[in-house]
Amino acid sequence: MRRLALALAVLLPVLIGADDPRSELKKMEGTWSIESIEKDGQLMDATKLRKRSVVIQGDRYIVKEGNDILEAGTYRVDPKQSPKHIDIRPTSGPFAGRVLLGIYQLGDDERAICYAPPGSPRPKVFKTNPNSGEIFIIYKRVKN
């Protein structure tokens, strides 16, 4: 009985796809609205930014404001890290052609991403520091 319990504890995450990047990408798919943004240790006024949305399909994302595309790109996740890692690669927008290193948390209807500016080390916690250029965003899934 003990062996069965140990085998299940080891194999169950593998069988259900835990820590699988493809599974995480699938969970992220959809449209997300911005709930809050913190930059350089300061909570930003998200009133204007609430008109923005992020649409994710597979490993691609688009940041929109109404019908206007503000930024697009790809991203990769590594859910085996703690906290989970995300590498954002904008193909348009102010950081086009650079890599933004970040961390993320993912729930059913909420996700959080904290990332550093290009060339800076990956954040270790979900908060920003003064003059760091780091950004921490909380998103809510948009229901259809």
Protein backbone atom coordinates (compact mmCIF):
# COMPACT_ATOMS: atom_id res chain seq x y z
CA MET A 1 0.00 0.00 0.00
CA ARG A 2 2.82 2.38 0.84
CA ARG A 3 4.49 1.67 -2.48
CA LEU A 4 1.27 2.45 -4.34
CA ALA A 5 0.92 5.77 -2.51
CA LEU A 6 4.53 6.67 -3.28
CA ALA A 7 4.15 5.67 -6.93
CA LEU A 8 1.00 7.80 -7.25
CA ALA A 9 2.70 10.76 -5.59
CA VAL A 10 5.54 10.54 -8.11
CA LEU A 11 3.54 9.65 -11.23
CA LEU A 12 0.31 11.60 -10.80
CA PRO A 13 1.81 15.01 -11.67
CA VAL A 14 3.38 13.47 -14.79
CA LEU A 15 0.13 11.80 -15.80
CA ILE A 16 -1.95 14.96 -15.46
CA GLY A 17 0.65 17.20 -17.14
CA ALA A 18 1.77 19.27 -14.15
CA ASP A 19 4.80 21.41 -14.92
CA ASP A 20 4.27 20.91 -18.65
CA PRO A 21 4.88 24.15 -20.59
CA ARG A 22 2.29 23.18 -23.23
CA SER A 23 -0.34 22.71 -20.53
CA GLU A 24 0.51 26.11 -19.03
CA LEU A 25 0.30 27.78 -22.47
CA LYS A 26 -3.15 26.27 -22.96
CA LYS A 27 -4.30 27.57 -19.56
CA MET A 28 -3.13 31.08 -20.46
CA GLU A 29 -5.10 31.23 -23.71
CA GLY A 30 -7.88 33.78 -23.91
CA THR A 31 -8.44 37.47 -23.36
CA TRP A 32 -7.22 39.14 -20.17
CA SER A 33 -7.93 42.59 -18.74
CA ILE A 34 -5.55 44.56 -16.54
CA GLU A 35 -6.59 44.81 -12.89
CA SER A 36 -3.56 46.54 -11.41
CA ILE A 37 -0.04 47.62 -12.30
CA GLU A 38 2.90 48.38 -10.06
CA LYS A 39 6.08 49.92 -11.47
CA ASP A 40 9.22 50.87 -9.56
CA GLY A 41 7.49 50.20 -6.26
CA GLN A 42 4.52 52.47 -7.03
CA LEU A 43 0.96 51.41 -7.80
CA MET A 44 -0.03 53.03 -11.10
CA ASP A 45 -3.40 54.49 -12.02
CA ALA A 46 -4.87 51.62 -14.00
CA THR A 47 -7.96 53.58 -15.08
CA LYS A 48 -6.58 54.29 -18.57
CA LEU A 49 -4.98 50.88 -18.84
CA ARG A 50 -8.25 49.06 -18.16
CA LYS A 51 -9.20 49.81 -21.77
CA ARG A 52 -6.32 47.54 -22.76
CA SER A 53 -6.53 43.81 -23.12
CA VAL A 54 -4.08 41.01 -23.78
CA VAL A 55 -5.13 38.27 -26.16
CA ILE A 56 -3.16 35.03 -25.89
CA GLN A 57 -3.21 32.17 -28.34
CA GLY A 58 -0.63 29.42 -27.96
CA ASP A 59 2.75 31.07 -27.36
CA ARG A 60 1.69 34.37 -29.00
CA TYR A 61 0.21 37.47 -27.43
CA ILE A 62 -1.23 40.78 -28.60
CA VAL A 63 -1.75 43.85 -26.43
CA LYS A 64 -4.73 45.85 -27.68
CA GLU A 65 -6.46 49.08 -26.82
CA GLY A 66 -9.82 48.87 -28.51
CA ASN A 67 -9.00 47.72 -32.04
CA ASP A 68 -5.46 49.15 -32.01
CA ILE A 69 -2.57 46.72 -31.55
CA LEU A 70 0.00 48.26 -29.20
CA GLU A 71 2.38 45.33 -28.92
CA ALA A 72 2.70 41.76 -30.11
CA GLY A 73 5.15 38.97 -29.48
CA THR A 74 5.80 35.50 -28.19
CA TYR A 75 6.61 34.06 -24.80
CA ARG A 76 7.94 30.91 -23.19
CA VAL A 77 7.18 29.54 -19.76
CA ASP A 78 9.05 27.24 -17.42
CA PRO A 79 6.55 26.03 -14.81
CA LYS A 80 9.17 23.81 -13.16
CA GLN A 81 10.92 26.82 -11.64
CA SER A 82 9.83 28.37 -8.37
CA PRO A 83 8.46 30.91 -8.89
CA LYS A 84 7.45 29.95 -12.43
CA HIS A 85 9.50 31.66 -15.17
CA ILE A 86 8.29 33.53 -18.24
CA ASP A 87 10.45 34.97 -21.04
CA ILE A 88 8.58 37.59 -23.07
CA ARG A 89 9.82 38.39 -26.59
CA PRO A 90 8.01 41.41 -28.09
CA THR A 91 8.10 41.60 -31.90
CA SER A 92 6.54 45.08 -31.92
CA GLY A 93 6.17 47.89 -29.44
CA PRO A 94 8.79 49.67 -27.31
CA PHE A 95 10.75 46.52 -26.40
CA ALA A 96 10.66 44.87 -29.85
CA GLY A 97 13.56 42.49 -30.43
CA ARG A 98 14.51 42.26 -26.75
CA VAL A 99 13.77 39.71 -24.04
CA LEU A 100 11.92 40.54 -20.82
CA LEU A 101 12.64 38.05 -18.04
CA GLY A 102 9.86 37.51 -15.55
CA ILE A 103 7.98 35.30 -13.15
CA TYR A 104 4.30 34.40 -13.15
CA GLN A 105 1.44 32.87 -11.20
CA LEU A 106 -1.59 31.41 -12.92
CA GLY A 107 -5.05 30.73 -11.55
CA ASP A 108 -8.25 29.88 -13.41
CA ASP A 109 -9.36 33.50 -13.86
CA GLU A 110 -6.40 35.52 -12.64
CA ARG A 111 -2.73 35.68 -13.50
CA ALA A 112 0.14 37.76 -12.25
CA ILE A 113 3.36 38.61 -14.07
CA CYS A 114 6.35 40.48 -12.71
CA TYR A 115 9.08 41.25 -15.24
CA ALA A 116 12.29 43.21 -15.49
CA PRO A 117 13.36 45.59 -18.25
CA PRO A 118 15.65 44.21 -21.00
CA GLY A 119 19.13 43.37 -19.73
CA SER A 120 18.07 43.17 -16.09
CA PRO A 121 17.92 40.01 -13.99
CA ARG A 122 14.66 38.13 -13.53
CA PRO A 123 12.64 39.28 -10.49
CA LYS A 124 12.50 36.81 -7.60
CA VAL A 125 9.31 38.07 -5.91
CA PHE A 126 5.96 39.52 -6.99
CA LYS A 127 6.66 43.16 -6.17
CA THR A 128 8.75 45.90 -7.70
CA ASN A 129 11.54 48.00 -6.25
CA PRO A 130 12.10 51.75 -6.66
CA ASN A 131 14.13 52.68 -9.76
CA SER A 132 14.27 49.04 -10.89
CA GLY A 133 12.20 49.41 -14.07
CA GLU A 134 10.34 46.26 -12.97
CA ILE A 135 6.63 45.94 -13.70
CA PHE A 136 4.11 43.79 -11.81
CA ILE A 137 0.71 43.30 -13.47
CA ILE A 138 -2.37 41.44 -12.28
CA TYR A 139 -4.79 40.33 -15.01
CA LYS A 140 -8.34 38.99 -14.88
CA ARG A 141 -9.71 36.63 -17.50
CA VAL A 142 -12.41 38.25 -19.67
CA LYS A 143 -15.52 36.08 -19.72
CA ASN A 144 -17.24 35.71 -23.09
